[in-house]
Amino acid sequence: MSSLTVEARAQKVLVEDDALIVDLSDGRTISVPIAWYPRLLHGKTEERNNWRLIGDGEGMHWPDLDEDISVQNLLLGQPSGESQASFKQWLESREACGS
């Protein structure tokens, strides 16, 4: 992969029923389908709203969902790289806990 430098940083994050919307420091707003990130898709509203910026805005973290998304991946149009097996295990553990 080329040495892509991402200057834009996340400033504000909104998770809607069908989209992840991120306002960037350079004035752009990125919107991607929430289906790209199955943990967000299956998260409760409270869990989706509990996020924090990481790496000085290079990405976002959802502690309740154990999800990290980088601005670079959003800009490159890359959905979650989590394997189906890993996601299935995570989803089953949530169901077992009643989440």
PDB file of N, CA and C in Angstrom:
ATOM      1  N   MET A   1       0.840  -1.169   0.000  1.00  0.00           N
ATOM      2  CA  MET A   1       0.000   0.000   0.000  1.00  0.00           C
ATOM      3  C   MET A   1       0.887   1.235   0.000  1.00  0.00           C
ATOM      4  N   SER A   2       0.421   2.287  -0.624  1.00  0.00           N
ATOM      5  CA  SER A   2       1.193   3.520  -0.659  1.00  0.00           C
ATOM      6  C   SER A   2       1.224   4.160   0.724  1.00  0.00           C
ATOM      7  N   SER A   3       2.092   5.128   0.877  1.00  0.00           N
ATOM      8  CA  SER A   3       2.213   5.795   2.173  1.00  0.00           C
ATOM      9  C   SER A   3       1.232   6.955   2.251  1.00  0.00           C
ATOM     10  N   LEU A   4      -0.027   6.622   2.412  1.00  0.00           N
ATOM     11  CA  LEU A   4      -1.094   7.610   2.526  1.00  0.00           C
ATOM     12  C   LEU A   4      -1.000   8.309   3.870  1.00  0.00           C
ATOM     13  N   THR A   5      -0.960   9.622   3.828  1.00  0.00           N
ATOM     14  CA  THR A   5      -0.931  10.403   5.055  1.00  0.00           C
ATOM     15  C   THR A   5      -2.304  11.019   5.252  1.00  0.00           C
ATOM     16  N   VAL A   6      -2.879  10.758   6.378  1.00  0.00           N
ATOM     17  CA  VAL A   6      -4.192  11.310   6.683  1.00  0.00           C
ATOM     18  C   VAL A   6      -4.005  12.496   7.614  1.00  0.00           C
ATOM     19  N   GLU A   7      -4.323  13.668   7.123  1.00  0.00           N
ATOM     20  CA  GLU A   7      -4.208  14.879   7.929  1.00  0.00           C
ATOM     21  C   GLU A   7      -5.496  15.146   8.701  1.00  0.00           C
ATOM     22  N   ALA A   8      -6.622  14.735   8.139  1.00  0.00           N
ATOM     23  CA  ALA A   8      -7.916  14.991   8.769  1.00  0.00           C
ATOM     24  C   ALA A   8      -8.073  14.138  10.017  1.00  0.00           C
ATOM     25  N   ARG A   9      -8.672  14.709  11.019  1.00  0.00           N
ATOM     26  CA  ARG A   9      -8.943  14.024  12.275  1.00  0.00           C
ATOM     27  C   ARG A   9     -10.443  14.051  12.547  1.00  0.00           C
ATOM     28  N   ALA A  10     -10.923  13.031  13.216  1.00  0.00           N
ATOM     29  CA  ALA A  10     -12.331  13.002  13.611  1.00  0.00           C
ATOM     30  C   ALA A  10     -12.568  14.036  14.701  1.00  0.00           C
ATOM     31  N   GLN A  11     -13.709  14.702  14.621  1.00  0.00           N
ATOM     32  CA  GLN A  11     -14.077  15.678  15.639  1.00  0.00           C
ATOM     33  C   GLN A  11     -15.403  15.343  16.299  1.00  0.00           C
ATOM     34  N   LYS A  12     -16.328  14.842  15.501  1.00  0.00           N
ATOM     35  CA  LYS A  12     -17.664  14.540  16.010  1.00  0.00           C
ATOM     36  C   LYS A  12     -18.137  13.264  15.332  1.00  0.00           C
ATOM     37  N   VAL A  13     -18.828  12.433  16.092  1.00  0.00           N
ATOM     38  CA  VAL A  13     -19.305  11.150  15.584  1.00  0.00           C
ATOM     39  C   VAL A  13     -20.788  11.015  15.898  1.00  0.00           C
ATOM     40  N   LEU A  14     -21.517  10.533  14.922  1.00  0.00           N
ATOM     41  CA  LEU A  14     -22.939  10.271  15.100  1.00  0.00           C
ATOM     42  C   LEU A  14     -23.234   8.906  14.499  1.00  0.00           C
ATOM     43  N   VAL A  15     -23.877   8.047  15.280  1.00  0.00           N
ATOM     44  CA  VAL A  15     -24.269   6.737  14.779  1.00  0.00           C
ATOM     45  C   VAL A  15     -25.784   6.728  14.694  1.00  0.00           C
ATOM     46  N   GLU A  16     -26.285   6.626  13.474  1.00  0.00           N
ATOM     47  CA  GLU A  16     -27.725   6.553  13.240  1.00  0.00           C
ATOM     48  C   GLU A  16     -28.096   5.104  12.952  1.00  0.00           C
ATOM     49  N   ASP A  17     -29.372   4.845  12.731  1.00  0.00           N
ATOM     50  CA  ASP A  17     -29.825   3.479  12.481  1.00  0.00           C
ATOM     51  C   ASP A  17     -29.218   2.877  11.224  1.00  0.00           C
ATOM     52  N   ASP A  18     -28.884   3.719  10.243  1.00  0.00           N
ATOM     53  CA  ASP A  18     -28.381   3.195   8.983  1.00  0.00           C
ATOM     54  C   ASP A  18     -27.022   3.752   8.552  1.00  0.00           C
ATOM     55  N   ALA A  19     -26.438   4.653   9.359  1.00  0.00           N
ATOM     56  CA  ALA A  19     -25.185   5.282   8.930  1.00  0.00           C
ATOM     57  C   ALA A  19     -24.294   5.667  10.105  1.00  0.00           C
ATOM     58  N   LEU A  20     -22.992   5.648   9.840  1.00  0.00           N
ATOM     59  CA  LEU A  20     -21.989   6.206  10.735  1.00  0.00           C
ATOM     60  C   LEU A  20     -21.550   7.510  10.075  1.00  0.00           C
ATOM     61  N   ILE A  21     -21.673   8.613  10.798  1.00  0.00           N
ATOM     62  CA  ILE A  21     -21.370   9.933  10.249  1.00  0.00           C
ATOM     63  C   ILE A  21     -20.263  10.545  11.099  1.00  0.00           C
ATOM     64  N   VAL A  22     -19.181  10.956  10.433  1.00  0.00           N
ATOM     65  CA  VAL A  22     -18.021  11.502  11.137  1.00  0.00           C
ATOM     66  C   VAL A  22     -17.666  12.856  10.532  1.00  0.00           C
ATOM     67  N   ASP A  23     -17.649  13.888  11.373  1.00  0.00           N
ATOM     68  CA  ASP A  23     -17.179  15.209  10.966  1.00  0.00           C
ATOM     69  C   ASP A  23     -15.667  15.250  11.156  1.00  0.00           C
ATOM     70  N   LEU A  24     -14.966  15.734  10.127  1.00  0.00           N
ATOM     71  CA  LEU A  24     -13.509  15.781  10.151  1.00  0.00           C
ATOM     72  C   LEU A  24     -12.993  17.200  10.357  1.00  0.00           C
ATOM     73  N   SER A  25     -11.764  17.284  10.801  1.00  0.00           N
ATOM     74  CA  SER A  25     -11.145  18.569  11.112  1.00  0.00           C
ATOM     75  C   SER A  25     -10.927  19.438   9.877  1.00  0.00           C
ATOM     76  N   ASP A  26     -10.934  18.834   8.686  1.00  0.00           N
ATOM     77  CA  ASP A  26     -10.721  19.624   7.467  1.00  0.00           C
ATOM     78  C   ASP A  26     -12.026  20.113   6.842  1.00  0.00           C
ATOM     79  N   GLY A  27     -13.129  19.927   7.556  1.00  0.00           N
ATOM     80  CA  GLY A  27     -14.418  20.421   7.088  1.00  0.00           C
ATOM     81  C   GLY A  27     -15.279  19.387   6.388  1.00  0.00           C
ATOM     82  N   ARG A  28     -14.713  18.244   6.064  1.00  0.00           N
ATOM     83  CA  ARG A  28     -15.508  17.191   5.415  1.00  0.00           C
ATOM     84  C   ARG A  28     -16.343  16.433   6.439  1.00  0.00           C
ATOM     85  N   THR A  29     -17.410  15.850   5.941  1.00  0.00           N
ATOM     86  CA  THR A  29     -18.222  14.916   6.706  1.00  0.00           C
ATOM     87  C   THR A  29     -18.290  13.629   5.906  1.00  0.00           C
ATOM     88  N   ILE A  30     -17.961  12.528   6.567  1.00  0.00           N
ATOM     89  CA  ILE A  30     -18.000  11.211   5.924  1.00  0.00           C
ATOM     90  C   ILE A  30     -19.195  10.450   6.485  1.00  0.00           C
ATOM     91  N   SER A  31     -19.950   9.839   5.594  1.00  0.00           N
ATOM     92  CA  SER A  31     -21.070   8.994   5.997  1.00  0.00           C
ATOM     93  C   SER A  31     -20.906   7.641   5.316  1.00  0.00           C
ATOM     94  N   VAL A  32     -20.917   6.580   6.121  1.00  0.00           N
ATOM     95  CA  VAL A  32     -20.803   5.222   5.591  1.00  0.00           C
ATOM     96  C   VAL A  32     -21.930   4.380   6.169  1.00  0.00           C
ATOM     97  N   PRO A  33     -22.309   3.321   5.462  1.00  0.00           N
ATOM     98  CA  PRO A  33     -23.367   2.455   5.980  1.00  0.00           C
ATOM     99  C   PRO A  33     -22.961   1.808   7.305  1.00  0.00           C
ATOM    100  N   ILE A  34     -23.857   1.812   8.255  1.00  0.00           N
ATOM    101  CA  ILE A  34     -23.561   1.179   9.546  1.00  0.00           C
ATOM    102  C   ILE A  34     -23.370  -0.329   9.363  1.00  0.00           C
ATOM    103  N   ALA A  35     -23.925  -0.888   8.311  1.00  0.00           N
ATOM    104  CA  ALA A  35     -23.756  -2.319   8.037  1.00  0.00           C
ATOM    105  C   ALA A  35     -22.295  -2.676   7.795  1.00  0.00           C
ATOM    106  N   TRP A  36     -21.447  -1.690   7.487  1.00  0.00           N
ATOM    107  CA  TRP A  36     -20.019  -1.945   7.333  1.00  0.00           C
ATOM    108  C   TRP A  36     -19.387  -2.356   8.656  1.00  0.00           C
ATOM    109  N   TYR A  37     -20.035  -2.014   9.758  1.00  0.00           N
ATOM    110  CA  TYR A  37     -19.493  -2.280  11.093  1.00  0.00           C
ATOM    111  C   TYR A  37     -20.546  -3.038  11.907  1.00  0.00           C
ATOM    112  N   PRO A  38     -20.555  -4.365  11.787  1.00  0.00           N
ATOM    113  CA  PRO A  38     -21.608  -5.172  12.407  1.00  0.00           C
ATOM    114  C   PRO A  38     -21.761  -4.962  13.917  1.00  0.00           C
ATOM    115  N   ARG A  39     -20.668  -4.670  14.614  1.00  0.00           N
ATOM    116  CA  ARG A  39     -20.805  -4.454  16.058  1.00  0.00           C
ATOM    117  C   ARG A  39     -21.622  -3.193  16.336  1.00  0.00           C
ATOM    118  N   LEU A  40     -21.423  -2.155  15.541  1.00  0.00           N
ATOM    119  CA  LEU A  40     -22.254  -0.958  15.691  1.00  0.00           C
ATOM    120  C   LEU A  40     -23.697  -1.267  15.300  1.00  0.00           C
ATOM    121  N   LEU A  41     -23.856  -2.017  14.221  1.00  0.00           N
ATOM    122  CA  LEU A  41     -25.185  -2.379  13.747  1.00  0.00           C
ATOM    123  C   LEU A  41     -25.980  -3.108  14.822  1.00  0.00           C
ATOM    124  N   HIS A  42     -25.326  -3.996  15.551  1.00  0.00           N
ATOM    125  CA  HIS A  42     -26.007  -4.795  16.578  1.00  0.00           C
ATOM    126  C   HIS A  42     -25.975  -4.147  17.962  1.00  0.00           C
ATOM    127  N   GLY A  43     -25.335  -3.003  18.089  1.00  0.00           N
ATOM    128  CA  GLY A  43     -25.261  -2.327  19.380  1.00  0.00           C
ATOM    129  C   GLY A  43     -26.543  -1.595  19.730  1.00  0.00           C
ATOM    130  N   LYS A  44     -26.736  -1.432  21.002  1.00  0.00           N
ATOM    131  CA  LYS A  44     -27.871  -0.638  21.494  1.00  0.00           C
ATOM    132  C   LYS A  44     -27.526   0.842  21.340  1.00  0.00           C
ATOM    133  N   THR A  45     -28.545   1.667  21.332  1.00  0.00           N
ATOM    134  CA  THR A  45     -28.349   3.111  21.177  1.00  0.00           C
ATOM    135  C   THR A  45     -27.355   3.649  22.199  1.00  0.00           C
ATOM    136  N   GLU A  46     -27.478   3.232  23.456  1.00  0.00           N
ATOM    137  CA  GLU A  46     -26.574   3.715  24.499  1.00  0.00           C
ATOM    138  C   GLU A  46     -25.136   3.309  24.207  1.00  0.00           C
ATOM    139  N   GLU A  47     -24.950   2.102  23.692  1.00  0.00           N
ATOM    140  CA  GLU A  47     -23.607   1.614  23.373  1.00  0.00           C
ATOM    141  C   GLU A  47     -23.021   2.369  22.178  1.00  0.00           C
ATOM    142  N   ARG A  48     -23.847   2.640  21.188  1.00  0.00           N
ATOM    143  CA  ARG A  48     -23.400   3.381  20.007  1.00  0.00           C
ATOM    144  C   ARG A  48     -23.012   4.816  20.365  1.00  0.00           C
ATOM    145  N   ASN A  49     -23.717   5.383  21.323  1.00  0.00           N
ATOM    146  CA  ASN A  49     -23.459   6.770  21.712  1.00  0.00           C
ATOM    147  C   ASN A  49     -22.287   6.909  22.670  1.00  0.00           C
ATOM    148  N   ASN A  50     -21.786   5.808  23.188  1.00  0.00           N
ATOM    149  CA  ASN A  50     -20.648   5.825  24.114  1.00  0.00           C
ATOM    150  C   ASN A  50     -19.360   5.592  23.325  1.00  0.00           C
ATOM    151  N   TRP A  51     -18.826   6.650  22.759  1.00  0.00           N
ATOM    152  CA  TRP A  51     -17.606   6.570  21.963  1.00  0.00           C
ATOM    153  C   TRP A  51     -16.628   7.622  22.459  1.00  0.00           C
ATOM    154  N   ARG A  52     -15.366   7.432  22.060  1.00  0.00           N
ATOM    155  CA  ARG A  52     -14.350   8.445  22.366  1.00  0.00           C
ATOM    156  C   ARG A  52     -13.358   8.475  21.220  1.00  0.00           C
ATOM    157  N   LEU A  53     -12.717   9.629  21.049  1.00  0.00           N
ATOM    158  CA  LEU A  53     -11.681   9.761  20.041  1.00  0.00           C
ATOM    159  C   LEU A  53     -10.403   9.110  20.554  1.00  0.00           C
ATOM    160  N   ILE A  54      -9.658   8.488  19.670  1.00  0.00           N
ATOM    161  CA  ILE A  54      -8.380   7.886  20.026  1.00  0.00           C
ATOM    162  C   ILE A  54      -7.304   8.432  19.081  1.00  0.00           C
ATOM    163  N   GLY A  55      -6.064   8.434  19.554  1.00  0.00           N
ATOM    164  CA  GLY A  55      -4.951   8.887  18.725  1.00  0.00           C
ATOM    165  C   GLY A  55      -5.108  10.307  18.230  1.00  0.00           C
ATOM    166  N   ASP A  56      -5.541  11.211  19.098  1.00  0.00           N
ATOM    167  CA  ASP A  56      -5.726  12.619  18.728  1.00  0.00           C
ATOM    168  C   ASP A  56      -6.684  12.777  17.551  1.00  0.00           C
ATOM    169  N   GLY A  57      -7.715  11.919  17.511  1.00  0.00           N
ATOM    170  CA  GLY A  57      -8.729  12.003  16.459  1.00  0.00           C
ATOM    171  C   GLY A  57      -8.436  11.150  15.243  1.00  0.00           C
ATOM    172  N   GLU A  58      -7.389  10.319  15.311  1.00  0.00           N
ATOM    173  CA  GLU A  58      -7.093   9.425  14.188  1.00  0.00           C
ATOM    174  C   GLU A  58      -8.131   8.316  14.068  1.00  0.00           C
ATOM    175  N   GLY A  59      -8.900   8.113  15.117  1.00  0.00           N
ATOM    176  CA  GLY A  59      -9.920   7.076  15.095  1.00  0.00           C
ATOM    177  C   GLY A  59     -10.893   7.252  16.236  1.00  0.00           C
ATOM    178  N   MET A  60     -11.831   6.320  16.294  1.00  0.00           N
ATOM    179  CA  MET A  60     -12.863   6.315  17.319  1.00  0.00           C
ATOM    180  C   MET A  60     -12.909   4.940  17.980  1.00  0.00           C
ATOM    181  N   HIS A  61     -13.299   4.934  19.249  1.00  0.00           N
ATOM    182  CA  HIS A  61     -13.393   3.681  20.008  1.00  0.00           C
ATOM    183  C   HIS A  61     -14.733   3.633  20.716  1.00  0.00           C
ATOM    184  N   TRP A  62     -15.390   2.479  20.631  1.00  0.00           N
ATOM    185  CA  TRP A  62     -16.638   2.207  21.347  1.00  0.00           C
ATOM    186  C   TRP A  62     -16.334   1.122  22.381  1.00  0.00           C
ATOM    187  N   PRO A  63     -16.120   1.507  23.650  1.00  0.00           N
ATOM    188  CA  PRO A  63     -15.712   0.518  24.657  1.00  0.00           C
ATOM    189  C   PRO A  63     -16.755  -0.565  24.912  1.00  0.00           C
ATOM    190  N   ASP A  64     -18.028  -0.213  24.879  1.00  0.00           N
ATOM    191  CA  ASP A  64     -19.077  -1.202  25.150  1.00  0.00           C
ATOM    192  C   ASP A  64     -19.178  -2.253  24.052  1.00  0.00           C
ATOM    193  N   LEU A  65     -18.718  -1.906  22.851  1.00  0.00           N
ATOM    194  CA  LEU A  65     -18.821  -2.808  21.704  1.00  0.00           C
ATOM    195  C   LEU A  65     -17.468  -3.365  21.280  1.00  0.00           C
ATOM    196  N   ASP A  66     -16.401  -2.937  21.959  1.00  0.00           N
ATOM    197  CA  ASP A  66     -15.033  -3.344  21.622  1.00  0.00           C
ATOM    198  C   ASP A  66     -14.765  -3.113  20.129  1.00  0.00           C
ATOM    199  N   GLU A  67     -15.088  -1.902  19.662  1.00  0.00           N
ATOM    200  CA  GLU A  67     -14.946  -1.539  18.249  1.00  0.00           C
ATOM    201  C   GLU A  67     -14.037  -0.327  18.107  1.00  0.00           C
ATOM    202  N   ASP A  68     -13.104  -0.406  17.179  1.00  0.00           N
ATOM    203  CA  ASP A  68     -12.222   0.702  16.828  1.00  0.00           C
ATOM    204  C   ASP A  68     -12.328   0.924  15.327  1.00  0.00           C
ATOM    205  N   ILE A  69     -12.469   2.191  14.922  1.00  0.00           N
ATOM    206  CA  ILE A  69     -12.547   2.533  13.503  1.00  0.00           C
ATOM    207  C   ILE A  69     -11.608   3.711  13.264  1.00  0.00           C
ATOM    208  N   SER A  70     -10.759   3.589  12.255  1.00  0.00           N
ATOM    209  CA  SER A  70      -9.824   4.673  11.953  1.00  0.00           C
ATOM    210  C   SER A  70     -10.401   5.597  10.878  1.00  0.00           C
ATOM    211  N   VAL A  71     -10.003   6.856  10.947  1.00  0.00           N
ATOM    212  CA  VAL A  71     -10.381   7.814   9.919  1.00  0.00           C
ATOM    213  C   VAL A  71      -9.812   7.359   8.579  1.00  0.00           C
ATOM    214  N   GLN A  72      -8.600   6.846   8.589  1.00  0.00           N
ATOM    215  CA  GLN A  72      -7.978   6.383   7.343  1.00  0.00           C
ATOM    216  C   GLN A  72      -8.842   5.334   6.654  1.00  0.00           C
ATOM    217  N   ASN A  73      -9.342   4.353   7.403  1.00  0.00           N
ATOM    218  CA  ASN A  73     -10.184   3.325   6.791  1.00  0.00           C
ATOM    219  C   ASN A  73     -11.488   3.913   6.258  1.00  0.00           C
ATOM    220  N   LEU A  74     -12.041   4.884   6.954  1.00  0.00           N
ATOM    221  CA  LEU A  74     -13.244   5.547   6.446  1.00  0.00           C
ATOM    222  C   LEU A  74     -12.943   6.239   5.123  1.00  0.00           C
ATOM    223  N   LEU A  75     -11.827   6.983   5.079  1.00  0.00           N
ATOM    224  CA  LEU A  75     -11.461   7.702   3.861  1.00  0.00           C
ATOM    225  C   LEU A  75     -11.168   6.751   2.701  1.00  0.00           C
ATOM    226  N   LEU A  76     -10.650   5.578   3.009  1.00  0.00           N
ATOM    227  CA  LEU A  76     -10.349   4.584   1.976  1.00  0.00           C
ATOM    228  C   LEU A  76     -11.568   3.743   1.592  1.00  0.00           C
ATOM    229  N   GLY A  77     -12.675   3.921   2.308  1.00  0.00           N
ATOM    230  CA  GLY A  77     -13.879   3.151   2.015  1.00  0.00           C
ATOM    231  C   GLY A  77     -13.776   1.701   2.415  1.00  0.00           C
ATOM    232  N   GLN A  78     -13.043   1.438   3.489  1.00  0.00           N
ATOM    233  CA  GLN A  78     -12.840   0.062   3.938  1.00  0.00           C
ATOM    234  C   GLN A  78     -13.774  -0.274   5.098  1.00  0.00           C
ATOM    235  N   PRO A  79     -14.643  -1.239   4.904  1.00  0.00           N
ATOM    236  CA  PRO A  79     -15.498  -1.689   6.010  1.00  0.00           C
ATOM    237  C   PRO A  79     -14.710  -2.500   7.026  1.00  0.00           C
ATOM    238  N   SER A  80     -15.373  -2.954   8.047  1.00  0.00           N
ATOM    239  CA  SER A  80     -14.739  -3.747   9.101  1.00  0.00           C
ATOM    240  C   SER A  80     -13.996  -4.933   8.510  1.00  0.00           C
ATOM    241  N   GLY A  81     -12.825  -5.200   9.060  1.00  0.00           N
ATOM    242  CA  GLY A  81     -12.044  -6.347   8.615  1.00  0.00           C
ATOM    243  C   GLY A  81     -12.219  -7.549   9.521  1.00  0.00           C
ATOM    244  N   GLU A  82     -13.159  -7.466  10.452  1.00  0.00           N
ATOM    245  CA  GLU A  82     -13.365  -8.565  11.393  1.00  0.00           C
ATOM    246  C   GLU A  82     -13.881  -9.794  10.665  1.00  0.00           C
ATOM    247  N   SER A  83     -13.340 -10.950  11.012  1.00  0.00           N
ATOM    248  CA  SER A  83     -13.782 -12.196  10.383  1.00  0.00           C
ATOM    249  C   SER A  83     -15.189 -12.554  10.854  1.00  0.00           C
ATOM    250  N   GLN A  84     -15.877 -13.328  10.041  1.00  0.00           N
ATOM    251  CA  GLN A  84     -17.218 -13.786  10.400  1.00  0.00           C
ATOM    252  C   GLN A  84     -17.178 -14.627  11.675  1.00  0.00           C
ATOM    253  N   ALA A  85     -16.145 -15.430  11.831  1.00  0.00           N
ATOM    254  CA  ALA A  85     -16.022 -16.279  13.018  1.00  0.00           C
ATOM    255  C   ALA A  85     -15.871 -15.428  14.284  1.00  0.00           C
ATOM    256  N   SER A  86     -15.044 -14.400  14.206  1.00  0.00           N
ATOM    257  CA  SER A  86     -14.854 -13.511  15.353  1.00  0.00           C
ATOM    258  C   SER A  86     -16.138 -12.774  15.694  1.00  0.00           C
ATOM    259  N   PHE A  87     -16.821 -12.257  14.679  1.00  0.00           N
ATOM    260  CA  PHE A  87     -18.068 -11.541  14.919  1.00  0.00           C
ATOM    261  C   PHE A  87     -19.121 -12.474  15.518  1.00  0.00           C
ATOM    262  N   LYS A  88     -19.213 -13.677  14.989  1.00  0.00           N
ATOM    263  CA  LYS A  88     -20.187 -14.654  15.504  1.00  0.00           C
ATOM    264  C   LYS A  88     -19.916 -14.949  16.975  1.00  0.00           C
ATOM    265  N   GLN A  89     -18.659 -15.115  17.337  1.00  0.00           N
ATOM    266  CA  GLN A  89     -18.295 -15.393  18.731  1.00  0.00           C
ATOM    267  C   GLN A  89     -18.684 -14.199  19.621  1.00  0.00           C
ATOM    268  N   TRP A  90     -18.404 -12.976  19.140  1.00  0.00           N
ATOM    269  CA  TRP A  90     -18.759 -11.772  19.897  1.00  0.00           C
ATOM    270  C   TRP A  90     -20.267 -11.690  20.081  1.00  0.00           C
ATOM    271  N   LEU A  91     -21.035 -11.931  19.010  1.00  0.00           N
ATOM    272  CA  LEU A  91     -22.490 -11.840  19.062  1.00  0.00           C
ATOM    273  C   LEU A  91     -23.057 -12.893  20.013  1.00  0.00           C
ATOM    274  N   GLU A  92     -22.523 -14.110  19.966  1.00  0.00           N
ATOM    275  CA  GLU A  92     -22.999 -15.170  20.863  1.00  0.00           C
ATOM    276  C   GLU A  92     -22.700 -14.836  22.321  1.00  0.00           C
ATOM    277  N   SER A  93     -21.559 -14.227  22.587  1.00  0.00           N
ATOM    278  CA  SER A  93     -21.226 -13.858  23.969  1.00  0.00           C
ATOM    279  C   SER A  93     -22.172 -12.777  24.470  1.00  0.00           C
ATOM    280  N   ARG A  94     -22.586 -11.865  23.614  1.00  0.00           N
ATOM    281  CA  ARG A  94     -23.557 -10.837  24.002  1.00  0.00           C
ATOM    282  C   ARG A  94     -24.908 -11.455  24.320  1.00  0.00           C
ATOM    283  N   GLU A  95     -25.321 -12.383  23.487  1.00  0.00           N
ATOM    284  CA  GLU A  95     -26.625 -13.043  23.687  1.00  0.00           C
ATOM    285  C   GLU A  95     -26.625 -13.842  24.978  1.00  0.00           C
ATOM    286  N   ALA A  96     -25.500 -14.474  25.290  1.00  0.00           N
ATOM    287  CA  ALA A  96     -25.386 -15.258  26.522  1.00  0.00           C
ATOM    288  C   ALA A  96     -25.482 -14.369  27.759  1.00  0.00           C
ATOM    289  N   CYS A  97     -24.988 -13.120  27.615  1.00  0.00           N
ATOM    290  CA  CYS A  97     -25.019 -12.174  28.730  1.00  0.00           C
ATOM    291  C   CYS A  97     -26.326 -11.385  28.786  1.00  0.00           C
ATOM    292  N   GLY A  98     -27.179 -11.571  27.770  1.00  0.00           N
ATOM    293  CA  GLY A  98     -28.441 -10.845  27.737  1.00  0.00           C
ATOM    294  C   GLY A  98     -28.315  -9.424  27.228  1.00  0.00           C
ATOM    295  N   SER A  99     -27.225  -9.116  26.525  1.00  0.00           N
ATOM    296  CA  SER A  99     -27.025  -7.760  25.972  1.00  0.00           C
ATOM    297  C   SER A  99     -27.822  -7.548  24.721  1.00  0.00           C
TER     298      SER A  99
END
